[in-house]
């Protein structure tokens, strides 16, 4: 090696291999305890030299980590390991939903499997801070009965806080990610909702069960709520009535 020449940068065969190499390096640092939530990553130049990849290739791998929710970029400050509850990017789930045509019933089935048990855990484990946050979301839901879009935001935030109250970061992550997809589905139809007050009341009952440490009751009420929410969304998705002068499409004869 000539004087002043830097170490040769390893060039993997594909962009995917480069991304995998960056992801693996950061994973090893986290597992070794060298990086913790909230820690700042080394500067790009230093990190690229550590991993022995070019800076454009490093940025490609960092974008992968950001999509995974492992890191977050802060403008003018740098790149950090994500702090707070773990979060999966909702982009991949949206692609899967579009590709495989997730149905409303499948979405609610997944929510029932995850959220009924989570409500019971929250009744056992939620901290006073979690319970206060759940109460705030219920109050906000009642305050936004005339604003379906705002109501929906507080509805989904309620479910996120209940999940956080379970004390299980895996459940918190899964429910948080699923909530993003549910929001995208529901925000299109929620303007036609007819039962927001009933929904808010059920959320209040779930909150009370969690606050009173009644796990079985919290699970029962969450199951009832999801069943009613499933019916409500089906009603919202019914085709709008034909406008005056508009002819309905004729059915093909068999």
Foldseek 3Di string as FASTA:
>chain_A
DDPPDDDAADDDPDLVVLLVLLVVVVVVCVVVVVADAFDFDPDLVVSCSVSRHDSVSNVSNVVVCVQQQQWDADPPPHIGGHDDQGAHHLVVVVVVCVVVVDDLVNLLVVCLVLQLQLLLLLLVAADPVLLVLLVVLLVQLVVCVVPQLSNLVSVLVNSLSSNVSSVDSVSSHVSNSSSVVVSVLCVVQSVVFDCSVVLSVLSVQLSVCSVVSPSVSNSVSVVVSSVVVSVRSVVSPPDDDDDPPDDDDDDDDD
